[in-house]
Each structure stands twice: as C-alpha cells, then as structure tokens.
C-alpha cells in the first residue's frame, strides 16, 4: 500500500463566526492504492454515513464544536496536494 496525504476541508457553509460556522479541516495519512477520485468518494460516503475506515480516522480529529461533518457541495478533499471540490454530482479538480 502507498501512503497518501489527505486533507478534508468543510467550506460549503462558509466562514460565518457570527453564526458559529467556521471553515475547518482534518488532515491525515491513508494507506491506499485507490485513485484520488475514489478516495474522495470514500471520504464522502464515510462522512455522510458516520461510519467506515475513513470516518474512524477523521472522527478523532474533529473539533468538539463542529456544526456538521458530512460533506456537502463546495467542500473540498485534497489528495497528495491536488484539491477536488464536491459538486452536486461528482468532483472537480481545482
């Protein structure tokens, strides 16, 4: 397995401190041979179901005052330095 650097950034709801919403990120290393888009899909699936191997990695990294943890349109997943934005269907490389 190869080690892949992953960064998940929740941006969909913006940085609105007055509404207690903040852009937050979680960074981790993942052992995987999956393509970057497959990793994005796994992150999406695990964070929306609140279960799975990636969720098990992300959950302890989350701040106690998180307002949401599932991925939404506009959130980003970075895989080995390349960022992908969550679209209404699929992902766009940034």
PDB file of N, CA and C in Angstrom:
ATOM      1  N   UNK A   1       0.830  -1.190   0.000  1.00  0.00           N
ATOM      2  CA  UNK A   1       0.000   0.000   0.000  1.00  0.00           C
ATOM      3  C   UNK A   1       0.871   1.249   0.000  1.00  0.00           C
ATOM      4  N   UNK A   2       0.400   2.252  -0.666  1.00  0.00           N
ATOM      5  CA  UNK A   2       1.081   3.543  -0.699  1.00  0.00           C
ATOM      6  C   UNK A   2       0.464   4.478   0.330  1.00  0.00           C
ATOM      7  N   UNK A   3       1.278   5.344   0.895  1.00  0.00           N
ATOM      8  CA  UNK A   3       0.757   6.337   1.827  1.00  0.00           C
ATOM      9  C   UNK A   3       0.336   7.569   1.036  1.00  0.00           C
ATOM     10  N   UNK A   4      -0.884   8.025   1.301  1.00  0.00           N
ATOM     11  CA  UNK A   4      -1.479   9.153   0.610  1.00  0.00           C
ATOM     12  C   UNK A   4      -1.829  10.208   1.657  1.00  0.00           C
ATOM     13  N   UNK A   5      -1.484  11.455   1.377  1.00  0.00           N
ATOM     14  CA  UNK A   5      -1.828  12.557   2.275  1.00  0.00           C
ATOM     15  C   UNK A   5      -3.200  13.099   1.872  1.00  0.00           C
ATOM     16  N   UNK A   6      -4.095  13.184   2.837  1.00  0.00           N
ATOM     17  CA  UNK A   6      -5.463  13.630   2.575  1.00  0.00           C
ATOM     18  C   UNK A   6      -5.803  14.785   3.513  1.00  0.00           C
ATOM     19  N   UNK A   7      -6.464  15.787   2.957  1.00  0.00           N
ATOM     20  CA  UNK A   7      -6.961  16.907   3.751  1.00  0.00           C
ATOM     21  C   UNK A   7      -8.405  17.138   3.368  1.00  0.00           C
ATOM     22  N   UNK A   8      -9.295  17.100   4.334  1.00  0.00           N
ATOM     23  CA  UNK A   8     -10.713  17.351   4.121  1.00  0.00           C
ATOM     24  C   UNK A   8     -11.015  18.743   4.676  1.00  0.00           C
ATOM     25  N   UNK A   9     -11.633  19.598   3.841  1.00  0.00           N
ATOM     26  CA  UNK A   9     -11.969  20.953   4.285  1.00  0.00           C
ATOM     27  C   UNK A   9     -13.453  21.196   4.053  1.00  0.00           C
ATOM     28  N   UNK A  10     -14.136  21.501   5.133  1.00  0.00           N
ATOM     29  CA  UNK A  10     -15.563  21.790   5.078  1.00  0.00           C
ATOM     30  C   UNK A  10     -15.743  23.278   4.796  1.00  0.00           C
ATOM     31  N   UNK A  11     -16.134  23.632   3.553  1.00  0.00           N
ATOM     32  CA  UNK A  11     -16.269  25.022   3.129  1.00  0.00           C
ATOM     33  C   UNK A  11     -17.692  25.383   2.722  1.00  0.00           C
ATOM     34  N   UNK A  12     -18.559  24.406   2.564  1.00  0.00           N
ATOM     35  CA  UNK A  12     -19.873  24.623   1.962  1.00  0.00           C
ATOM     36  C   UNK A  12     -20.682  25.713   2.643  1.00  0.00           C
ATOM     37  N   UNK A  13     -20.582  25.827   3.956  1.00  0.00           N
ATOM     38  CA  UNK A  13     -21.410  26.789   4.674  1.00  0.00           C
ATOM     39  C   UNK A  13     -20.656  28.068   4.993  1.00  0.00           C
ATOM     40  N   UNK A  14     -19.449  28.206   4.467  1.00  0.00           N
ATOM     41  CA  UNK A  14     -18.684  29.429   4.621  1.00  0.00           C
ATOM     42  C   UNK A  14     -18.098  29.628   5.999  1.00  0.00           C
ATOM     43  N   UNK A  15     -17.408  30.739   6.133  1.00  0.00           N
ATOM     44  CA  UNK A  15     -16.790  31.119   7.397  1.00  0.00           C
ATOM     45  C   UNK A  15     -17.658  32.218   7.996  1.00  0.00           C
ATOM     46  N   UNK A  16     -18.577  31.858   8.863  1.00  0.00           N
ATOM     47  CA  UNK A  16     -19.535  32.800   9.439  1.00  0.00           C
ATOM     48  C   UNK A  16     -19.487  32.729  10.965  1.00  0.00           C
ATOM     49  N   UNK A  17     -18.462  33.325  11.553  1.00  0.00           N
ATOM     50  CA  UNK A  17     -18.321  33.252  13.013  1.00  0.00           C
ATOM     51  C   UNK A  17     -19.556  33.739  13.767  1.00  0.00           C
ATOM     52  N   UNK A  18     -20.278  34.710  13.193  1.00  0.00           N
ATOM     53  CA  UNK A  18     -21.476  35.218  13.856  1.00  0.00           C
ATOM     54  C   UNK A  18     -22.575  34.160  13.945  1.00  0.00           C
ATOM     55  N   UNK A  19     -22.486  33.130  13.117  1.00  0.00           N
ATOM     56  CA  UNK A  19     -23.450  32.015  13.144  1.00  0.00           C
ATOM     57  C   UNK A  19     -22.810  30.737  13.686  1.00  0.00           C
ATOM     58  N   UNK A  20     -21.627  30.902  14.285  1.00  0.00           N
ATOM     59  CA  UNK A  20     -20.862  29.776  14.828  1.00  0.00           C
ATOM     60  C   UNK A  20     -20.519  28.743  13.753  1.00  0.00           C
ATOM     61  N   UNK A  21     -20.236  29.232  12.551  1.00  0.00           N
ATOM     62  CA  UNK A  21     -19.794  28.365  11.460  1.00  0.00           C
ATOM     63  C   UNK A  21     -18.388  28.776  11.064  1.00  0.00           C
ATOM     64  N   UNK A  22     -17.506  27.812  11.001  1.00  0.00           N
ATOM     65  CA  UNK A  22     -16.113  28.079  10.675  1.00  0.00           C
ATOM     66  C   UNK A  22     -15.630  27.068   9.647  1.00  0.00           C
ATOM     67  N   UNK A  23     -14.795  27.535   8.738  1.00  0.00           N
ATOM     68  CA  UNK A  23     -14.159  26.597   7.816  1.00  0.00           C
ATOM     69  C   UNK A  23     -13.136  25.805   8.617  1.00  0.00           C
ATOM     70  N   UNK A  24     -13.238  24.496   8.554  1.00  0.00           N
ATOM     71  CA  UNK A  24     -12.346  23.616   9.316  1.00  0.00           C
ATOM     72  C   UNK A  24     -11.784  22.543   8.402  1.00  0.00           C
ATOM     73  N   UNK A  25     -10.660  22.002   8.800  1.00  0.00           N
ATOM     74  CA  UNK A  25     -10.019  20.940   8.030  1.00  0.00           C
ATOM     75  C   UNK A  25      -9.569  19.814   8.945  1.00  0.00           C
ATOM     76  N   UNK A  26      -9.417  18.644   8.357  1.00  0.00           N
ATOM     77  CA  UNK A  26      -8.829  17.487   9.028  1.00  0.00           C
ATOM     78  C   UNK A  26      -7.817  16.892   8.060  1.00  0.00           C
ATOM     79  N   UNK A  27      -6.610  16.661   8.535  1.00  0.00           N
ATOM     80  CA  UNK A  27      -5.551  16.105   7.691  1.00  0.00           C
ATOM     81  C   UNK A  27      -5.096  14.769   8.252  1.00  0.00           C
ATOM     82  N   UNK A  28      -4.817  13.831   7.332  1.00  0.00           N
ATOM     83  CA  UNK A  28      -4.389  12.508   7.767  1.00  0.00           C
ATOM     84  C   UNK A  28      -3.673  11.788   6.642  1.00  0.00           C
ATOM     85  N   UNK A  29      -2.991  10.716   7.000  1.00  0.00           N
ATOM     86  CA  UNK A  29      -2.325   9.844   6.039  1.00  0.00           C
ATOM     87  C   UNK A  29      -3.169   8.585   5.896  1.00  0.00           C
ATOM     88  N   UNK A  30      -3.335   8.153   4.663  1.00  0.00           N
ATOM     89  CA  UNK A  30      -4.156   6.987   4.360  1.00  0.00           C
ATOM     90  C   UNK A  30      -3.318   5.991   3.572  1.00  0.00           C
ATOM     91  N   UNK A  31      -3.366   4.733   3.945  1.00  0.00           N
ATOM     92  CA  UNK A  31      -2.726   3.675   3.162  1.00  0.00           C
ATOM     93  C   UNK A  31      -3.716   3.237   2.087  1.00  0.00           C
ATOM     94  N   UNK A  32      -3.389   3.503   0.820  1.00  0.00           N
ATOM     95  CA  UNK A  32      -4.342   3.207  -0.244  1.00  0.00           C
ATOM     96  C   UNK A  32      -3.656   3.169  -1.600  1.00  0.00           C
ATOM     97  N   UNK A  33      -4.193   2.351  -2.483  1.00  0.00           N
ATOM     98  CA  UNK A  33      -3.801   2.352  -3.889  1.00  0.00           C
ATOM     99  C   UNK A  33      -4.929   2.913  -4.744  1.00  0.00           C
ATOM    100  N   UNK A  34      -5.991   3.431  -4.099  1.00  0.00           N
ATOM    101  CA  UNK A  34      -7.133   3.977  -4.819  1.00  0.00           C
ATOM    102  C   UNK A  34      -6.747   5.245  -5.570  1.00  0.00           C
ATOM    103  N   UNK A  35      -7.490   5.564  -6.602  1.00  0.00           N
ATOM    104  CA  UNK A  35      -7.299   6.822  -7.324  1.00  0.00           C
ATOM    105  C   UNK A  35      -7.761   7.973  -6.434  1.00  0.00           C
ATOM    106  N   UNK A  36      -7.306   9.185  -6.711  1.00  0.00           N
ATOM    107  CA  UNK A  36      -7.759  10.332  -5.917  1.00  0.00           C
ATOM    108  C   UNK A  36      -9.287  10.478  -5.897  1.00  0.00           C
ATOM    109  N   UNK A  37      -9.939  10.261  -7.037  1.00  0.00           N
ATOM    110  CA  UNK A  37     -11.398  10.389  -7.066  1.00  0.00           C
ATOM    111  C   UNK A  37     -12.077   9.295  -6.249  1.00  0.00           C
ATOM    112  N   UNK A  38     -11.506   8.102  -6.240  1.00  0.00           N
ATOM    113  CA  UNK A  38     -12.055   7.025  -5.418  1.00  0.00           C
ATOM    114  C   UNK A  38     -11.906   7.367  -3.934  1.00  0.00           C
ATOM    115  N   UNK A  39     -10.797   7.996  -3.574  1.00  0.00           N
ATOM    116  CA  UNK A  39     -10.599   8.424  -2.183  1.00  0.00           C
ATOM    117  C   UNK A  39     -11.628   9.493  -1.831  1.00  0.00           C
ATOM    118  N   UNK A  40     -11.857  10.453  -2.725  1.00  0.00           N
ATOM    119  CA  UNK A  40     -12.885  11.477  -2.488  1.00  0.00           C
ATOM    120  C   UNK A  40     -14.241  10.831  -2.247  1.00  0.00           C
ATOM    121  N   UNK A  41     -14.588   9.855  -3.044  1.00  0.00           N
ATOM    122  CA  UNK A  41     -15.876   9.160  -2.887  1.00  0.00           C
ATOM    123  C   UNK A  41     -15.955   8.428  -1.551  1.00  0.00           C
ATOM    124  N   UNK A  42     -14.847   7.822  -1.141  1.00  0.00           N
ATOM    125  CA  UNK A  42     -14.823   7.137   0.162  1.00  0.00           C
ATOM    126  C   UNK A  42     -14.996   8.125   1.298  1.00  0.00           C
ATOM    127  N   UNK A  43     -14.316   9.284   1.208  1.00  0.00           N
ATOM    128  CA  UNK A  43     -14.459  10.316   2.238  1.00  0.00           C
ATOM    129  C   UNK A  43     -15.912  10.774   2.287  1.00  0.00           C
ATOM    130  N   UNK A  44     -16.502  11.033   1.122  1.00  0.00           N
ATOM    131  CA  UNK A  44     -17.902  11.469   1.062  1.00  0.00           C
ATOM    132  C   UNK A  44     -18.822  10.437   1.712  1.00  0.00           C
ATOM    133  N   UNK A  45     -18.667   9.201   1.309  1.00  0.00           N
ATOM    134  CA  UNK A  45     -19.525   8.126   1.832  1.00  0.00           C
ATOM    135  C   UNK A  45     -19.383   7.967   3.338  1.00  0.00           C
ATOM    136  N   UNK A  46     -18.147   7.890   3.815  1.00  0.00           N
ATOM    137  CA  UNK A  46     -17.921   7.659   5.250  1.00  0.00           C
ATOM    138  C   UNK A  46     -18.389   8.831   6.110  1.00  0.00           C
ATOM    139  N   UNK A  47     -18.165  10.077   5.632  1.00  0.00           N
ATOM    140  CA  UNK A  47     -18.578  11.224   6.452  1.00  0.00           C
ATOM    141  C   UNK A  47     -20.090  11.415   6.433  1.00  0.00           C
ATOM    142  N   UNK A  48     -20.759  10.947   5.399  1.00  0.00           N
ATOM    143  CA  UNK A  48     -22.209  11.064   5.350  1.00  0.00           C
ATOM    144  C   UNK A  48     -22.909   9.932   6.094  1.00  0.00           C
ATOM    145  N   UNK A  49     -22.250   8.805   6.220  1.00  0.00           N
ATOM    146  CA  UNK A  49     -22.823   7.674   6.972  1.00  0.00           C
ATOM    147  C   UNK A  49     -22.341   7.638   8.414  1.00  0.00           C
ATOM    148  N   UNK A  50     -21.310   8.436   8.734  1.00  0.00           N
ATOM    149  CA  UNK A  50     -20.696   8.438  10.069  1.00  0.00           C
ATOM    150  C   UNK A  50     -20.187   7.050  10.458  1.00  0.00           C
ATOM    151  N   UNK A  51     -19.626   6.367   9.461  1.00  0.00           N
ATOM    152  CA  UNK A  51     -19.019   5.056   9.716  1.00  0.00           C
ATOM    153  C   UNK A  51     -18.088   4.709   8.565  1.00  0.00           C
ATOM    154  N   UNK A  52     -17.191   3.769   8.817  1.00  0.00           N
ATOM    155  CA  UNK A  52     -16.239   3.326   7.807  1.00  0.00           C
ATOM    156  C   UNK A  52     -14.817   3.637   8.225  1.00  0.00           C
ATOM    157  N   UNK A  53     -13.871   3.096   7.478  1.00  0.00           N
ATOM    158  CA  UNK A  53     -12.463   3.225   7.858  1.00  0.00           C
ATOM    159  C   UNK A  53     -11.979   4.673   7.824  1.00  0.00           C
ATOM    160  N   UNK A  54     -12.437   5.460   6.864  1.00  0.00           N
ATOM    161  CA  UNK A  54     -12.011   6.863   6.822  1.00  0.00           C
ATOM    162  C   UNK A  54     -12.688   7.655   7.928  1.00  0.00           C
ATOM    163  N   UNK A  55     -13.949   7.385   8.199  1.00  0.00           N
ATOM    164  CA  UNK A  55     -14.626   8.052   9.322  1.00  0.00           C
ATOM    165  C   UNK A  55     -13.895   7.756  10.633  1.00  0.00           C
ATOM    166  N   UNK A  56     -13.433   6.523  10.797  1.00  0.00           N
ATOM    167  CA  UNK A  56     -12.700   6.154  12.016  1.00  0.00           C
ATOM    168  C   UNK A  56     -11.416   6.976  12.167  1.00  0.00           C
ATOM    169  N   UNK A  57     -10.823   7.387  11.048  1.00  0.00           N
ATOM    170  CA  UNK A  57      -9.626   8.235  11.095  1.00  0.00           C
ATOM    171  C   UNK A  57     -10.016   9.691  11.367  1.00  0.00           C
ATOM    172  N   UNK A  58     -11.054  10.177  10.692  1.00  0.00           N
ATOM    173  CA  UNK A  58     -11.449  11.587  10.778  1.00  0.00           C
ATOM    174  C   UNK A  58     -12.081  11.944  12.113  1.00  0.00           C
ATOM    175  N   UNK A  59     -12.940  11.093  12.624  1.00  0.00           N
ATOM    176  CA  UNK A  59     -13.723  11.445  13.817  1.00  0.00           C
ATOM    177  C   UNK A  59     -12.878  11.967  14.988  1.00  0.00           C
ATOM    178  N   UNK A  60     -11.769  11.322  15.353  1.00  0.00           N
ATOM    179  CA  UNK A  60     -10.977  11.848  16.473  1.00  0.00           C
ATOM    180  C   UNK A  60     -10.291  13.189  16.170  1.00  0.00           C
ATOM    181  N   UNK A  61     -10.206  13.571  14.894  1.00  0.00           N
ATOM    182  CA  UNK A  61      -9.556  14.819  14.507  1.00  0.00           C
ATOM    183  C   UNK A  61     -10.508  16.010  14.548  1.00  0.00           C
ATOM    184  N   UNK A  62     -11.800  15.743  14.688  1.00  0.00           N
ATOM    185  CA  UNK A  62     -12.805  16.800  14.625  1.00  0.00           C
ATOM    186  C   UNK A  62     -12.873  17.608  15.901  1.00  0.00           C
ATOM    187  N   UNK A  63     -13.114  18.880  15.740  1.00  0.00           N
ATOM    188  CA  UNK A  63     -13.281  19.787  16.871  1.00  0.00           C
ATOM    189  C   UNK A  63     -14.598  19.471  17.580  1.00  0.00           C
ATOM    190  N   UNK A  64     -14.632  19.669  18.875  1.00  0.00           N
ATOM    191  CA  UNK A  64     -15.844  19.379  19.666  1.00  0.00           C
ATOM    192  C   UNK A  64     -17.002  20.286  19.291  1.00  0.00           C
ATOM    193  N   UNK A  65     -16.732  21.462  18.719  1.00  0.00           N
ATOM    194  CA  UNK A  65     -17.808  22.395  18.385  1.00  0.00           C
ATOM    195  C   UNK A  65     -18.182  22.366  16.904  1.00  0.00           C
ATOM    196  N   UNK A  66     -17.915  21.238  16.248  1.00  0.00           N
ATOM    197  CA  UNK A  66     -18.293  21.094  14.836  1.00  0.00           C
ATOM    198  C   UNK A  66     -19.795  21.250  14.680  1.00  0.00           C
ATOM    199  N   UNK A  67     -20.215  21.942  13.626  1.00  0.00           N
ATOM    200  CA  UNK A  67     -21.639  22.078  13.347  1.00  0.00           C
ATOM    201  C   UNK A  67     -22.116  21.026  12.355  1.00  0.00           C
ATOM    202  N   UNK A  68     -21.206  20.466  11.572  1.00  0.00           N
ATOM    203  CA  UNK A  68     -21.536  19.370  10.658  1.00  0.00           C
ATOM    204  C   UNK A  68     -20.250  18.629  10.290  1.00  0.00           C
ATOM    205  N   UNK A  69     -20.397  17.395   9.878  1.00  0.00           N
ATOM    206  CA  UNK A  69     -19.225  16.610   9.484  1.00  0.00           C
ATOM    207  C   UNK A  69     -19.407  15.930   8.141  1.00  0.00           C
ATOM    208  N   UNK A  70     -20.636  15.846   7.639  1.00  0.00           N
ATOM    209  CA  UNK A  70     -20.831  15.241   6.326  1.00  0.00           C
ATOM    210  C   UNK A  70     -20.370  16.234   5.260  1.00  0.00           C
ATOM    211  N   UNK A  71     -19.936  15.713   4.119  1.00  0.00           N
ATOM    212  CA  UNK A  71     -19.506  16.581   3.038  1.00  0.00           C
ATOM    213  C   UNK A  71     -20.708  17.085   2.258  1.00  0.00           C
ATOM    214  N   UNK A  72     -20.605  18.329   1.803  1.00  0.00           N
ATOM    215  CA  UNK A  72     -21.652  18.977   1.022  1.00  0.00           C
ATOM    216  C   UNK A  72     -21.024  19.604  -0.215  1.00  0.00           C
ATOM    217  N   UNK A  73     -21.874  20.005  -1.158  1.00  0.00           N
ATOM    218  CA  UNK A  73     -21.402  20.690  -2.352  1.00  0.00           C
ATOM    219  C   UNK A  73     -20.585  21.907  -1.927  1.00  0.00           C
ATOM    220  N   UNK A  74     -19.379  22.021  -2.449  1.00  0.00           N
ATOM    221  CA  UNK A  74     -18.486  23.128  -2.114  1.00  0.00           C
ATOM    222  C   UNK A  74     -17.372  22.752  -1.160  1.00  0.00           C
ATOM    223  N   UNK A  75     -17.530  21.646  -0.447  1.00  0.00           N
ATOM    224  CA  UNK A  75     -16.458  21.173   0.423  1.00  0.00           C
ATOM    225  C   UNK A  75     -15.335  20.606  -0.451  1.00  0.00           C
ATOM    226  N   UNK A  76     -14.154  20.459   0.123  1.00  0.00           N
ATOM    227  CA  UNK A  76     -13.002  20.000  -0.656  1.00  0.00           C
ATOM    228  C   UNK A  76     -12.279  18.837   0.011  1.00  0.00           C
ATOM    229  N   UNK A  77     -11.742  17.971  -0.832  1.00  0.00           N
ATOM    230  CA  UNK A  77     -10.854  16.901  -0.393  1.00  0.00           C
ATOM    231  C   UNK A  77      -9.575  17.050  -1.204  1.00  0.00           C
ATOM    232  N   UNK A  78      -8.459  17.159  -0.507  1.00  0.00           N
ATOM    233  CA  UNK A  78      -7.156  17.276  -1.160  1.00  0.00           C
ATOM    234  C   UNK A  78      -6.441  15.938  -1.012  1.00  0.00           C
ATOM    235  N   UNK A  79      -5.951  15.422  -2.128  1.00  0.00           N
ATOM    236  CA  UNK A  79      -5.240  14.146  -2.136  1.00  0.00           C
ATOM    237  C   UNK A  79      -3.852  14.387  -2.718  1.00  0.00           C
ATOM    238  N   UNK A  80      -2.829  14.181  -1.895  1.00  0.00           N
ATOM    239  CA  UNK A  80      -1.442  14.405  -2.305  1.00  0.00           C
ATOM    240  C   UNK A  80      -1.255  15.761  -2.993  1.00  0.00           C
ATOM    241  N   UNK A  81      -1.848  16.798  -2.402  1.00  0.00           N
ATOM    242  CA  UNK A  81      -1.638  18.162  -2.878  1.00  0.00           C
ATOM    243  C   UNK A  81      -2.572  18.636  -3.967  1.00  0.00           C
ATOM    244  N   UNK A  82      -3.433  17.772  -4.497  1.00  0.00           N
ATOM    245  CA  UNK A  82      -4.394  18.175  -5.525  1.00  0.00           C
ATOM    246  C   UNK A  82      -5.777  18.237  -4.873  1.00  0.00           C
ATOM    247  N   UNK A  83      -6.410  19.416  -4.974  1.00  0.00           N
ATOM    248  CA  UNK A  83      -7.714  19.610  -4.343  1.00  0.00           C
ATOM    249  C   UNK A  83      -8.842  19.281  -5.313  1.00  0.00           C
ATOM    250  N   UNK A  84      -9.894  18.681  -4.768  1.00  0.00           N
ATOM    251  CA  UNK A  84     -11.096  18.341  -5.519  1.00  0.00           C
ATOM    252  C   UNK A  84     -12.291  18.926  -4.775  1.00  0.00           C
ATOM    253  N   UNK A  85     -13.160  19.640  -5.516  1.00  0.00           N
ATOM    254  CA  UNK A  85     -14.355  20.216  -4.911  1.00  0.00           C
ATOM    255  C   UNK A  85     -15.533  19.276  -5.109  1.00  0.00           C
ATOM    256  N   UNK A  86     -16.304  19.091  -4.066  1.00  0.00           N
ATOM    257  CA  UNK A  86     -17.507  18.277  -4.118  1.00  0.00           C
ATOM    258  C   UNK A  86     -18.553  19.038  -4.925  1.00  0.00           C
ATOM    259  N   UNK A  87     -19.024  18.440  -6.016  1.00  0.00           N
ATOM    260  CA  UNK A  87     -20.060  19.038  -6.859  1.00  0.00           C
ATOM    261  C   UNK A  87     -21.393  18.360  -6.566  1.00  0.00           C
ATOM    262  N   UNK A  88     -22.451  18.833  -7.193  1.00  0.00           N
ATOM    263  CA  UNK A  88     -23.754  18.209  -6.960  1.00  0.00           C
ATOM    264  C   UNK A  88     -23.740  16.752  -7.435  1.00  0.00           C
ATOM    265  N   UNK A  89     -22.922  16.463  -8.421  1.00  0.00           N
ATOM    266  CA  UNK A  89     -22.666  15.083  -8.851  1.00  0.00           C
ATOM    267  C   UNK A  89     -21.183  14.981  -9.151  1.00  0.00           C
ATOM    268  N   UNK A  90     -20.457  14.216  -8.372  1.00  0.00           N
ATOM    269  CA  UNK A  90     -19.034  14.003  -8.619  1.00  0.00           C
ATOM    270  C   UNK A  90     -18.141  15.087  -8.034  1.00  0.00           C
ATOM    271  N   UNK A  91     -16.945  15.218  -8.649  1.00  0.00           N
ATOM    272  CA  UNK A  91     -15.879  16.062  -8.123  1.00  0.00           C
ATOM    273  C   UNK A  91     -15.231  16.847  -9.255  1.00  0.00           C
ATOM    274  N   UNK A  92     -14.755  18.046  -8.948  1.00  0.00           N
ATOM    275  CA  UNK A  92     -13.993  18.861  -9.895  1.00  0.00           C
ATOM    276  C   UNK A  92     -12.603  19.114  -9.328  1.00  0.00           C
ATOM    277  N   UNK A  93     -11.576  18.848 -10.135  1.00  0.00           N
ATOM    278  CA  UNK A  93     -10.210  19.169  -9.719  1.00  0.00           C
ATOM    279  C   UNK A  93     -10.046  20.678  -9.730  1.00  0.00           C
ATOM    280  N   UNK A  94      -9.396  21.207  -8.700  1.00  0.00           N
ATOM    281  CA  UNK A  94      -9.180  22.662  -8.618  1.00  0.00           C
ATOM    282  C   UNK A  94      -7.774  23.010  -9.040  1.00  0.00           C
TER     283      UNK A  94
END
